[in-house]
Amino acid sequence: MQVKQIELVRQYLQIFFQLETKVLKDVSNAIIPNNARRIGDVGQEQFLAGYILTDVLKKEKPNKGVALMAITEKDLYPKPEWNYVFGLASYRDKIAVSSMYRMQKEADFNLSLDRLLKICSHEIGHMFGLHHCIEANCVMNGTNSMVETDRHSLRLCSLCQRKLNSGLKYDNKKRLLELEKYFKENKLKEGLELMEKDLKSIQQK
């Protein structure tokens, strides 16, 4: 299920950012040393997110790549005093890591995928210069719990979309049409309704 979700995330991010997106080879969990691991509050193993950024991704980033993100099935923590973090990004180095651990809901593939799409597009959004947004219905609005993540939107608000578009110079109507098709094919109802609404808004201008 996770392998299938990662491929669907790749497809989504390629459309969302309008940039070619590739999945690189798997990396073994064995590369994380004991001093960058711990046992979490409910007995789960956790990896130190900062170690993955500085000691793994900086070395792995391809020369021709614009940004690089790791996805791990292990839970993450950002520093000893924090319980967990969904993901972490370096704006300067354009690298990020996201965890699938808290995204997964047994027997609900689409909910798990929806959560992963939100977290991954949020973290990569940071790498392209988007900061946390105060608009509730924007994927760049920060979340601190799974309840908040589920409540928040998949889409960028109009201001964040314009900021992203000013840097990446894509055709937003083409992007929205491709997102609409993606949501329809993968039976993601909320995303489909949002894209239909955004497309209608463009056509009325």
N, C-alpha and C. Protein backbone atom coordinates (compact mmCIF):
# COMPACT_ATOMS: atom_id res chain seq x y z
N MET A 1 0.83 -1.20 0.00
CA MET A 1 0.00 0.00 0.00
C MET A 1 0.87 1.26 0.00
N GLN A 2 1.94 1.23 0.81
CA GLN A 2 2.81 2.40 0.89
C GLN A 2 3.52 2.66 -0.44
N VAL A 3 3.97 1.59 -1.10
CA VAL A 3 4.64 1.75 -2.40
C VAL A 3 3.69 2.37 -3.41
N LYS A 4 2.45 1.91 -3.42
CA LYS A 4 1.45 2.47 -4.33
C LYS A 4 1.19 3.94 -4.01
N GLN A 5 1.10 4.27 -2.72
CA GLN A 5 0.87 5.65 -2.32
C GLN A 5 2.02 6.56 -2.73
N ILE A 6 3.26 6.08 -2.60
CA ILE A 6 4.41 6.89 -2.98
C ILE A 6 4.37 7.21 -4.47
N GLU A 7 3.98 6.25 -5.30
CA GLU A 7 3.87 6.53 -6.73
C GLU A 7 2.76 7.54 -7.01
N LEU A 8 1.65 7.44 -6.29
CA LEU A 8 0.57 8.41 -6.46
C LEU A 8 0.98 9.80 -5.95
N VAL A 9 1.79 9.83 -4.91
CA VAL A 9 2.32 11.11 -4.43
C VAL A 9 3.24 11.72 -5.49
N ARG A 10 4.08 10.89 -6.10
CA ARG A 10 4.96 11.38 -7.17
C ARG A 10 4.16 12.01 -8.29
N GLN A 11 3.11 11.31 -8.73
CA GLN A 11 2.26 11.83 -9.81
C GLN A 11 1.64 13.17 -9.41
N TYR A 12 1.16 13.22 -8.17
CA TYR A 12 0.50 14.44 -7.69
C TYR A 12 1.46 15.62 -7.63
N LEU A 13 2.64 15.40 -7.05
CA LEU A 13 3.61 16.48 -6.91
C LEU A 13 4.08 17.00 -8.27
N GLN A 14 4.18 16.10 -9.24
CA GLN A 14 4.56 16.51 -10.60
C GLN A 14 3.53 17.47 -11.18
N ILE A 15 2.26 17.19 -10.91
CA ILE A 15 1.18 18.07 -11.39
C ILE A 15 1.12 19.35 -10.53
N PHE A 16 1.19 19.18 -9.23
CA PHE A 16 1.03 20.30 -8.29
C PHE A 16 2.06 21.39 -8.54
N PHE A 17 3.32 20.98 -8.74
CA PHE A 17 4.39 21.95 -8.95
C PHE A 17 4.76 22.12 -10.43
N GLN A 18 4.14 21.31 -11.30
CA GLN A 18 4.40 21.38 -12.74
C GLN A 18 5.89 21.21 -13.05
N LEU A 19 6.50 20.28 -12.35
CA LEU A 19 7.91 19.95 -12.55
C LEU A 19 8.07 18.43 -12.58
N GLU A 20 8.95 17.93 -13.43
CA GLU A 20 9.19 16.49 -13.49
C GLU A 20 9.62 15.99 -12.11
N THR A 21 9.00 14.91 -11.68
CA THR A 21 9.24 14.37 -10.34
C THR A 21 9.57 12.89 -10.44
N LYS A 22 10.66 12.48 -9.82
CA LYS A 22 11.11 11.09 -9.90
C LYS A 22 11.22 10.49 -8.50
N VAL A 23 11.00 9.18 -8.42
CA VAL A 23 11.25 8.43 -7.19
C VAL A 23 12.62 7.78 -7.34
N LEU A 24 13.52 8.06 -6.41
CA LEU A 24 14.86 7.49 -6.45
C LEU A 24 14.88 6.13 -5.75
N LYS A 25 16.03 5.51 -5.73
CA LYS A 25 16.14 4.17 -5.13
C LYS A 25 15.86 4.22 -3.62
N ASP A 26 15.39 3.10 -3.11
CA ASP A 26 15.15 2.98 -1.67
C ASP A 26 16.47 3.10 -0.90
N VAL A 27 16.40 3.64 0.30
CA VAL A 27 17.56 3.73 1.19
C VAL A 27 17.21 2.98 2.48
N SER A 28 18.11 2.12 2.92
CA SER A 28 17.85 1.31 4.11
C SER A 28 17.80 2.15 5.37
N ASN A 29 16.92 1.75 6.30
CA ASN A 29 16.85 2.40 7.61
C ASN A 29 18.16 2.24 8.40
N ALA A 30 18.99 1.29 7.96
CA ALA A 30 20.24 1.02 8.67
C ALA A 30 21.20 2.21 8.64
N ILE A 31 20.97 3.17 7.72
CA ILE A 31 21.87 4.33 7.65
C ILE A 31 21.65 5.31 8.81
N ILE A 32 20.57 5.13 9.56
CA ILE A 32 20.29 6.01 10.71
C ILE A 32 20.98 5.42 11.94
N PRO A 33 21.97 6.12 12.50
CA PRO A 33 22.70 5.59 13.66
C PRO A 33 21.85 5.64 14.94
N ASN A 34 22.30 4.94 15.94
CA ASN A 34 21.56 4.88 17.21
C ASN A 34 21.37 6.24 17.86
N ASN A 35 22.33 7.16 17.67
CA ASN A 35 22.20 8.47 18.31
C ASN A 35 21.20 9.38 17.59
N ALA A 36 20.63 8.91 16.48
CA ALA A 36 19.59 9.65 15.77
C ALA A 36 18.27 8.88 15.78
N ARG A 37 18.15 7.95 16.74
CA ARG A 37 16.94 7.15 16.92
C ARG A 37 16.52 7.24 18.39
N ARG A 38 15.23 7.00 18.60
CA ARG A 38 14.75 6.87 19.98
C ARG A 38 13.43 6.12 19.96
N ILE A 39 12.95 5.75 21.14
CA ILE A 39 11.64 5.11 21.27
C ILE A 39 10.64 6.18 21.70
N GLY A 40 9.54 6.30 20.97
CA GLY A 40 8.54 7.33 21.24
C GLY A 40 7.62 7.00 22.39
N ASP A 41 6.62 7.87 22.57
CA ASP A 41 5.77 7.78 23.76
C ASP A 41 4.86 6.56 23.79
N VAL A 42 4.64 5.93 22.64
CA VAL A 42 3.79 4.72 22.65
C VAL A 42 4.59 3.49 22.17
N GLY A 43 5.91 3.58 22.31
CA GLY A 43 6.76 2.44 21.99
C GLY A 43 7.22 2.35 20.54
N GLN A 44 6.89 3.35 19.74
CA GLN A 44 7.30 3.33 18.33
C GLN A 44 8.72 3.86 18.15
N GLU A 45 9.43 3.32 17.18
CA GLU A 45 10.77 3.84 16.88
C GLU A 45 10.63 5.15 16.12
N GLN A 46 11.47 6.12 16.47
CA GLN A 46 11.46 7.41 15.81
C GLN A 46 12.85 7.76 15.31
N PHE A 47 12.89 8.47 14.16
CA PHE A 47 14.15 8.96 13.61
C PHE A 47 14.23 10.47 13.80
N LEU A 48 15.44 10.97 14.02
CA LEU A 48 15.67 12.41 14.15
C LEU A 48 15.61 13.05 12.77
N ALA A 49 14.60 13.90 12.55
CA ALA A 49 14.36 14.48 11.23
C ALA A 49 15.56 15.28 10.73
N GLY A 50 16.18 16.05 11.63
CA GLY A 50 17.32 16.88 11.23
C GLY A 50 18.49 16.07 10.73
N TYR A 51 18.71 14.88 11.31
CA TYR A 51 19.80 14.01 10.84
C TYR A 51 19.56 13.59 9.40
N ILE A 52 18.32 13.26 9.07
CA ILE A 52 18.00 12.84 7.69
C ILE A 52 18.29 13.98 6.72
N LEU A 53 17.98 15.22 7.13
CA LEU A 53 18.25 16.36 6.26
C LEU A 53 19.76 16.56 6.07
N THR A 54 20.48 16.69 7.16
CA THR A 54 21.88 17.10 7.06
C THR A 54 22.85 15.97 6.72
N ASP A 55 22.56 14.76 7.17
CA ASP A 55 23.53 13.67 7.00
C ASP A 55 23.15 12.66 5.92
N VAL A 56 21.94 12.74 5.42
CA VAL A 56 21.52 11.82 4.37
C VAL A 56 21.19 12.57 3.08
N LEU A 57 20.25 13.49 3.15
CA LEU A 57 19.75 14.12 1.92
C LEU A 57 20.75 15.08 1.28
N LYS A 58 21.54 15.76 2.08
CA LYS A 58 22.54 16.66 1.50
C LYS A 58 23.51 15.90 0.61
N LYS A 59 23.82 14.66 1.02
CA LYS A 59 24.76 13.83 0.23
C LYS A 59 24.07 13.18 -0.97
N GLU A 60 22.75 12.95 -0.85
CA GLU A 60 22.01 12.23 -1.90
C GLU A 60 21.49 13.14 -3.00
N LYS A 61 21.36 14.44 -2.74
CA LYS A 61 20.69 15.34 -3.69
C LYS A 61 21.38 15.34 -5.05
N PRO A 62 20.66 14.98 -6.12
CA PRO A 62 21.24 14.96 -7.46
C PRO A 62 21.61 16.38 -7.91
N ASN A 63 22.66 16.48 -8.70
CA ASN A 63 23.12 17.79 -9.17
C ASN A 63 22.06 18.53 -9.97
N LYS A 64 21.26 17.79 -10.73
CA LYS A 64 20.26 18.43 -11.60
C LYS A 64 18.90 18.59 -10.92
N GLY A 65 18.79 18.12 -9.71
CA GLY A 65 17.50 18.20 -9.02
C GLY A 65 17.28 19.57 -8.40
N VAL A 66 16.03 20.05 -8.45
CA VAL A 66 15.68 21.33 -7.84
C VAL A 66 15.44 21.14 -6.34
N ALA A 67 14.78 20.05 -5.97
CA ALA A 67 14.46 19.77 -4.57
C ALA A 67 14.44 18.26 -4.36
N LEU A 68 14.66 17.84 -3.12
CA LEU A 68 14.69 16.42 -2.78
C LEU A 68 13.97 16.20 -1.47
N MET A 69 13.07 15.21 -1.44
CA MET A 69 12.36 14.89 -0.21
C MET A 69 12.40 13.39 0.05
N ALA A 70 12.69 13.04 1.29
CA ALA A 70 12.63 11.65 1.72
C ALA A 70 11.26 11.38 2.32
N ILE A 71 10.75 10.18 2.09
CA ILE A 71 9.52 9.73 2.75
C ILE A 71 9.87 8.47 3.52
N THR A 72 9.61 8.48 4.82
CA THR A 72 9.93 7.33 5.66
C THR A 72 8.68 6.76 6.30
N GLU A 73 8.69 5.44 6.52
CA GLU A 73 7.56 4.84 7.21
C GLU A 73 7.71 4.95 8.73
N LYS A 74 8.89 5.40 9.19
CA LYS A 74 9.13 5.57 10.62
C LYS A 74 8.65 6.95 11.09
N ASP A 75 8.27 7.03 12.35
CA ASP A 75 7.88 8.29 12.95
C ASP A 75 9.11 9.20 13.07
N LEU A 76 8.88 10.52 13.09
CA LEU A 76 9.97 11.49 13.16
C LEU A 76 9.85 12.37 14.41
N TYR A 77 10.99 12.85 14.89
CA TYR A 77 10.98 13.89 15.93
C TYR A 77 12.02 14.94 15.57
N PRO A 78 11.76 16.23 15.85
CA PRO A 78 12.69 17.28 15.44
C PRO A 78 13.79 17.59 16.46
N LYS A 79 13.49 17.38 17.74
CA LYS A 79 14.47 17.58 18.82
C LYS A 79 13.96 16.85 20.06
N PRO A 80 14.84 16.59 21.03
CA PRO A 80 14.48 15.73 22.18
C PRO A 80 13.21 16.13 22.92
N GLU A 81 12.93 17.42 23.03
CA GLU A 81 11.78 17.85 23.84
C GLU A 81 10.45 17.77 23.09
N TRP A 82 10.47 17.45 21.81
CA TRP A 82 9.25 17.34 21.02
C TRP A 82 8.83 15.87 20.90
N ASN A 83 7.50 15.63 20.89
CA ASN A 83 7.01 14.26 20.75
C ASN A 83 7.17 13.73 19.33
N TYR A 84 6.84 14.55 18.35
CA TYR A 84 6.90 14.10 16.95
C TYR A 84 6.79 15.29 16.01
N VAL A 85 7.04 15.04 14.74
CA VAL A 85 6.81 16.03 13.69
C VAL A 85 6.39 15.27 12.43
N PHE A 86 5.45 15.82 11.67
CA PHE A 86 5.02 15.17 10.43
C PHE A 86 6.09 15.24 9.36
N GLY A 87 6.79 16.38 9.31
CA GLY A 87 7.82 16.57 8.30
C GLY A 87 8.70 17.74 8.67
N LEU A 88 9.83 17.88 7.96
CA LEU A 88 10.76 18.97 8.21
C LEU A 88 11.43 19.33 6.89
N ALA A 89 11.63 20.63 6.66
CA ALA A 89 12.23 21.08 5.40
C ALA A 89 13.32 22.10 5.66
N SER A 90 14.31 22.12 4.78
CA SER A 90 15.34 23.16 4.79
C SER A 90 15.08 24.07 3.59
N TYR A 91 14.71 25.33 3.85
CA TYR A 91 14.45 26.27 2.75
C TYR A 91 15.72 26.47 1.92
N ARG A 92 16.84 26.68 2.62
CA ARG A 92 18.09 27.01 1.93
C ARG A 92 18.60 25.86 1.05
N ASP A 93 18.57 24.65 1.60
CA ASP A 93 19.14 23.50 0.87
C ASP A 93 18.12 22.80 -0.02
N LYS A 94 16.84 23.19 0.09
CA LYS A 94 15.77 22.58 -0.71
C LYS A 94 15.74 21.05 -0.54
N ILE A 95 15.74 20.64 0.71
CA ILE A 95 15.60 19.23 1.05
C ILE A 95 14.55 19.11 2.16
N ALA A 96 13.87 17.97 2.21
CA ALA A 96 12.82 17.78 3.22
C ALA A 96 12.63 16.30 3.50
N VAL A 97 12.00 16.01 4.62
CA VAL A 97 11.62 14.64 4.96
C VAL A 97 10.19 14.66 5.49
N SER A 98 9.40 13.68 5.09
CA SER A 98 8.03 13.51 5.59
C SER A 98 7.86 12.07 6.06
N SER A 99 7.03 11.89 7.06
CA SER A 99 6.79 10.55 7.61
C SER A 99 5.39 10.07 7.25
N MET A 100 5.31 8.80 6.88
CA MET A 100 4.01 8.17 6.60
C MET A 100 3.38 7.61 7.88
N TYR A 101 4.16 7.56 8.95
CA TYR A 101 3.76 6.81 10.15
C TYR A 101 2.39 7.21 10.66
N ARG A 102 2.16 8.50 10.82
CA ARG A 102 0.89 8.98 11.39
C ARG A 102 -0.17 9.22 10.33
N MET A 103 0.20 9.06 9.06
CA MET A 103 -0.75 9.28 7.97
C MET A 103 -1.64 8.06 7.71
N GLN A 104 -1.14 6.90 8.08
CA GLN A 104 -1.80 5.66 7.70
C GLN A 104 -3.01 5.36 8.57
N LYS A 105 -4.12 5.05 7.89
CA LYS A 105 -5.32 4.60 8.60
C LYS A 105 -5.71 3.28 7.96
N GLU A 106 -5.69 2.24 8.75
CA GLU A 106 -5.96 0.90 8.25
C GLU A 106 -7.30 0.85 7.53
N ALA A 107 -7.30 0.22 6.36
CA ALA A 107 -8.50 0.00 5.55
C ALA A 107 -9.08 1.28 4.95
N ASP A 108 -8.34 2.39 5.01
CA ASP A 108 -8.81 3.62 4.37
C ASP A 108 -7.66 4.20 3.54
N PHE A 109 -7.45 3.62 2.37
CA PHE A 109 -6.33 4.00 1.50
C PHE A 109 -6.42 5.46 1.11
N ASN A 110 -7.61 5.93 0.74
CA ASN A 110 -7.75 7.29 0.24
C ASN A 110 -7.51 8.35 1.32
N LEU A 111 -7.93 8.08 2.55
CA LEU A 111 -7.66 9.02 3.62
C LEU A 111 -6.16 9.11 3.89
N SER A 112 -5.49 7.97 3.90
CA SER A 112 -4.04 7.95 4.10
C SER A 112 -3.34 8.72 2.98
N LEU A 113 -3.79 8.51 1.74
CA LEU A 113 -3.20 9.20 0.59
C LEU A 113 -3.45 10.70 0.69
N ASP A 114 -4.67 11.09 1.02
CA ASP A 114 -5.02 12.50 1.15
C ASP A 114 -4.09 13.20 2.15
N ARG A 115 -3.85 12.56 3.27
CA ARG A 115 -2.98 13.13 4.30
C ARG A 115 -1.55 13.29 3.77
N LEU A 116 -1.07 12.28 3.07
CA LEU A 116 0.29 12.31 2.55
C LEU A 116 0.46 13.39 1.49
N LEU A 117 -0.55 13.57 0.65
CA LEU A 117 -0.50 14.63 -0.36
C LEU A 117 -0.39 16.00 0.30
N LYS A 118 -1.14 16.19 1.37
CA LYS A 118 -1.11 17.48 2.08
C LYS A 118 0.26 17.74 2.70
N ILE A 119 0.78 16.75 3.41
CA ILE A 119 2.05 16.94 4.11
C ILE A 119 3.19 17.14 3.12
N CYS A 120 3.23 16.33 2.06
CA CYS A 120 4.34 16.42 1.11
C CYS A 120 4.30 17.72 0.30
N SER A 121 3.13 18.13 -0.16
CA SER A 121 3.05 19.38 -0.91
C SER A 121 3.34 20.57 -0.01
N HIS A 122 2.97 20.47 1.27
CA HIS A 122 3.27 21.53 2.24
C HIS A 122 4.78 21.68 2.42
N GLU A 123 5.48 20.57 2.67
CA GLU A 123 6.92 20.63 2.91
C GLU A 123 7.68 21.10 1.67
N ILE A 124 7.29 20.63 0.50
CA ILE A 124 7.97 21.06 -0.73
C ILE A 124 7.62 22.51 -1.03
N GLY A 125 6.41 22.93 -0.67
CA GLY A 125 6.04 24.34 -0.81
C GLY A 125 7.02 25.24 -0.07
N HIS A 126 7.44 24.81 1.12
CA HIS A 126 8.44 25.57 1.87
C HIS A 126 9.74 25.69 1.07
N MET A 127 10.12 24.61 0.39
CA MET A 127 11.37 24.62 -0.36
C MET A 127 11.33 25.60 -1.53
N PHE A 128 10.13 25.92 -1.99
CA PHE A 128 9.97 26.89 -3.08
C PHE A 128 9.60 28.28 -2.55
N GLY A 129 9.87 28.49 -1.27
CA GLY A 129 9.75 29.83 -0.71
C GLY A 129 8.41 30.19 -0.11
N LEU A 130 7.47 29.24 -0.02
CA LEU A 130 6.17 29.53 0.59
C LEU A 130 6.27 29.35 2.10
N HIS A 131 5.84 30.35 2.83
CA HIS A 131 5.84 30.28 4.30
C HIS A 131 4.47 29.83 4.80
N HIS A 132 4.36 29.63 6.10
CA HIS A 132 3.06 29.23 6.65
C HIS A 132 2.03 30.32 6.37
N CYS A 133 0.86 29.88 5.97
CA CYS A 133 -0.22 30.78 5.54
C CYS A 133 -1.27 30.89 6.64
N ILE A 134 -1.83 32.08 6.80
CA ILE A 134 -2.87 32.25 7.82
C ILE A 134 -4.26 31.88 7.30
N GLU A 135 -4.37 31.62 5.99
CA GLU A 135 -5.65 31.24 5.40
C GLU A 135 -5.95 29.78 5.77
N ALA A 136 -7.07 29.58 6.43
CA ALA A 136 -7.42 28.23 6.92
C ALA A 136 -7.53 27.22 5.78
N ASN A 137 -8.08 27.65 4.65
CA ASN A 137 -8.28 26.73 3.53
C ASN A 137 -7.11 26.77 2.56
N CYS A 138 -5.91 26.59 3.09
CA CYS A 138 -4.70 26.56 2.28
C CYS A 138 -3.80 25.46 2.79
N VAL A 139 -3.20 24.71 1.89
CA VAL A 139 -2.33 23.60 2.29
C VAL A 139 -1.08 24.11 3.01
N MET A 140 -0.75 25.40 2.86
CA MET A 140 0.42 25.96 3.54
C MET A 140 0.09 26.44 4.96
N ASN A 141 -1.14 26.26 5.40
CA ASN A 141 -1.49 26.53 6.78
C ASN A 141 -0.91 25.40 7.63
N GLY A 142 -0.10 25.72 8.63
CA GLY A 142 0.56 24.69 9.43
C GLY A 142 -0.41 23.88 10.28
N THR A 143 -0.09 22.61 10.50
CA THR A 143 -0.92 21.75 11.35
C THR A 143 -0.05 21.09 12.42
N ASN A 144 -0.65 20.87 13.58
CA ASN A 144 0.07 20.24 14.69
C ASN A 144 -0.55 18.92 15.11
N SER A 145 -1.60 18.49 14.41
CA SER A 145 -2.24 17.23 14.75
C SER A 145 -2.90 16.65 13.50
N MET A 146 -3.22 15.36 13.56
CA MET A 146 -3.87 14.71 12.44
C MET A 146 -5.28 15.25 12.25
N VAL A 147 -5.92 15.64 13.34
CA VAL A 147 -7.27 16.22 13.25
C VAL A 147 -7.22 17.50 12.44
N GLU A 148 -6.23 18.36 12.70
CA GLU A 148 -6.08 19.60 11.94
C GLU A 148 -5.75 19.31 10.48
N THR A 149 -4.88 18.34 10.24
CA THR A 149 -4.51 17.98 8.86
C THR A 149 -5.74 17.54 8.08
N ASP A 150 -6.57 16.71 8.69
CA ASP A 150 -7.78 16.22 8.01
C ASP A 150 -8.75 17.36 7.73
N ARG A 151 -8.75 18.35 8.58
CA ARG A 151 -9.69 19.46 8.44
C ARG A 151 -9.22 20.46 7.39
N HIS A 152 -7.93 20.55 7.15
CA HIS A 152 -7.39 21.54 6.23
C HIS A 152 -7.50 21.10 4.77
N SER A 153 -7.30 22.07 3.89
CA SER A 153 -7.51 21.87 2.46
C SER A 153 -6.27 21.33 1.76
N LEU A 154 -6.50 20.65 0.64
CA LEU A 154 -5.41 20.20 -0.23
C LEU A 154 -4.85 21.32 -1.10
N ARG A 155 -5.64 22.33 -1.35
CA ARG A 155 -5.29 23.33 -2.35
C ARG A 155 -4.49 24.48 -1.76
N LEU A 156 -3.83 25.22 -2.66
CA LEU A 156 -3.21 26.48 -2.28
C LEU A 156 -4.26 27.57 -2.33
N CYS A 157 -4.21 28.51 -1.40
CA CYS A 157 -5.09 29.67 -1.51
C CYS A 157 -4.62 30.51 -2.70
N SER A 158 -5.43 31.46 -3.12
CA SER A 158 -5.10 32.23 -4.33
C SER A 158 -3.79 32.99 -4.18
N LEU A 159 -3.50 33.50 -2.98
CA LEU A 159 -2.26 34.26 -2.77
C LEU A 159 -1.04 33.36 -2.86
N CYS A 160 -1.08 32.20 -2.19
CA CYS A 160 0.05 31.27 -2.23
C CYS A 160 0.25 30.72 -3.64
N GLN A 161 -0.87 30.49 -4.35
CA GLN A 161 -0.76 30.01 -5.73
C GLN A 161 -0.05 31.04 -6.60
N ARG A 162 -0.38 32.32 -6.41
CA ARG A 162 0.28 33.38 -7.19
C ARG A 162 1.77 33.47 -6.85
N LYS A 163 2.09 33.30 -5.57
CA LYS A 163 3.50 33.33 -5.16
C LYS A 163 4.27 32.18 -5.81
N LEU A 164 3.68 30.98 -5.78
CA LEU A 164 4.34 29.82 -6.39
C LEU A 164 4.47 30.02 -7.90
N ASN A 165 3.41 30.51 -8.52
CA ASN A 165 3.38 30.70 -9.96
C ASN A 165 4.40 31.75 -10.42
N SER A 166 4.64 32.75 -9.58
CA SER A 166 5.60 33.79 -9.95
C SER A 166 7.02 33.25 -10.04
N GLY A 167 7.28 32.16 -9.30
CA GLY A 167 8.61 31.55 -9.35
C GLY A 167 8.73 30.44 -10.37
N LEU A 168 7.68 29.64 -10.52
CA LEU A 168 7.75 28.47 -11.40
C LEU A 168 7.18 28.72 -12.79
N LYS A 169 6.41 29.79 -12.99
CA LYS A 169 5.93 30.21 -14.31
C LYS A 169 5.17 29.11 -15.05
N TYR A 170 4.19 28.50 -14.40
CA TYR A 170 3.39 27.47 -15.05
C TYR A 170 2.07 28.05 -15.54
N ASP A 171 1.36 27.28 -16.36
CA ASP A 171 0.02 27.63 -16.83
C ASP A 171 -0.96 27.11 -15.77
N ASN A 172 -1.56 28.01 -15.00
CA ASN A 172 -2.38 27.56 -13.87
C ASN A 172 -3.65 26.83 -14.32
N LYS A 173 -4.22 27.22 -15.45
CA LYS A 173 -5.42 26.51 -15.91
C LYS A 173 -5.06 25.07 -16.27
N LYS A 174 -3.94 24.88 -16.96
CA LYS A 174 -3.46 23.53 -17.28
C LYS A 174 -3.23 22.73 -16.00
N ARG A 175 -2.61 23.37 -15.02
CA ARG A 175 -2.34 22.72 -13.74
C ARG A 175 -3.64 22.28 -13.06
N LEU A 176 -4.63 23.16 -13.02
CA LEU A 176 -5.90 22.83 -12.37
C LEU A 176 -6.64 21.72 -13.11
N LEU A 177 -6.59 21.73 -14.43
CA LEU A 177 -7.24 20.67 -15.21
C LEU A 177 -6.58 19.32 -14.94
N GLU A 178 -5.25 19.31 -14.82
CA GLU A 178 -4.54 18.07 -14.53
C GLU A 178 -4.82 17.58 -13.11
N LEU A 179 -4.92 18.52 -12.17
CA LEU A 179 -5.28 18.15 -10.80
C LEU A 179 -6.70 17.60 -10.74
N GLU A 180 -7.61 18.22 -11.47
CA GLU A 180 -8.99 17.75 -11.53
C GLU A 180 -9.03 16.30 -12.03
N LYS A 181 -8.28 16.03 -13.09
CA LYS A 181 -8.23 14.67 -13.65
C LYS A 181 -7.64 13.69 -12.64
N TYR A 182 -6.58 14.10 -11.95
CA TYR A 182 -5.94 13.25 -10.95
C TYR A 182 -6.92 12.88 -9.84
N PHE A 183 -7.62 13.89 -9.30
CA PHE A 183 -8.56 13.63 -8.22
C PHE A 183 -9.72 12.75 -8.68
N LYS A 184 -10.15 12.94 -9.91
CA LYS A 184 -11.25 12.13 -10.45
C LYS A 184 -10.81 10.67 -10.59
N GLU A 185 -9.62 10.46 -11.15
CA GLU A 185 -9.12 9.10 -11.37
C GLU A 185 -8.87 8.35 -10.06
N ASN A 186 -8.49 9.09 -9.02
CA ASN A 186 -8.16 8.45 -7.75
C ASN A 186 -9.27 8.57 -6.71
N LYS A 187 -10.44 9.03 -7.18
CA LYS A 187 -11.65 9.06 -6.35
C LYS A 187 -11.44 9.85 -5.04
N LEU A 188 -10.76 11.01 -5.18
CA LEU A 188 -10.57 11.90 -4.05
C LEU A 188 -11.57 13.04 -4.18
N LYS A 189 -12.71 12.86 -3.54
CA LYS A 189 -13.87 13.73 -3.74
C LYS A 189 -13.61 15.19 -3.36
N GLU A 190 -12.99 15.41 -2.20
CA GLU A 190 -12.76 16.77 -1.74
C GLU A 190 -11.88 17.54 -2.72
N GLY A 191 -10.78 16.92 -3.14
CA GLY A 191 -9.87 17.56 -4.08
C GLY A 191 -10.55 17.87 -5.40
N LEU A 192 -11.38 16.95 -5.88
CA LEU A 192 -12.10 17.14 -7.14
C LEU A 192 -13.04 18.35 -7.04
N GLU A 193 -13.78 18.43 -5.96
CA GLU A 193 -14.71 19.55 -5.77
C GLU A 193 -13.98 20.89 -5.72
N LEU A 194 -12.81 20.91 -5.07
CA LEU A 194 -12.03 22.15 -4.97
C LEU A 194 -11.50 22.59 -6.33
N MET A 195 -11.01 21.63 -7.12
CA MET A 195 -10.48 21.98 -8.44
C MET A 195 -11.59 22.44 -9.38
N GLU A 196 -12.74 21.81 -9.29
CA GLU A 196 -13.88 22.24 -10.11
C GLU A 196 -14.28 23.67 -9.76
N LYS A 197 -14.25 23.97 -8.46
CA LYS A 197 -14.57 25.33 -8.00
C LYS A 197 -13.54 26.33 -8.50
N ASP A 198 -12.25 25.99 -8.42
CA ASP A 198 -11.19 26.89 -8.87
C ASP A 198 -11.26 27.12 -10.38
N LEU A 199 -11.54 26.07 -11.13
CA LEU A 199 -11.64 26.20 -12.58
C LEU A 199 -12.82 27.09 -12.97
N LYS A 200 -13.92 26.92 -12.25
CA LYS A 200 -15.10 27.76 -12.51
C LYS A 200 -14.78 29.22 -12.23
N SER A 201 -14.02 29.47 -11.16
CA SER A 201 -13.62 30.82 -10.80
C SER A 201 -12.75 31.45 -11.88
N ILE A 202 -11.84 30.68 -12.46
CA ILE A 202 -10.98 31.19 -13.54
C ILE A 202 -11.79 31.54 -14.77
N GLN A 203 -12.76 30.69 -15.11
CA GLN A 203 -13.56 30.88 -16.30
C GLN A 203 -14.49 32.11 -16.18
N GLN A 204 -14.84 32.49 -14.96
CA GLN A 204 -15.73 33.62 -14.75
C GLN A 204 -15.00 34.96 -14.82
N LYS A 205 -13.66 34.92 -14.73
CA LYS A 205 -12.90 36.18 -14.74
C LYS A 205 -12.81 36.75 -16.16
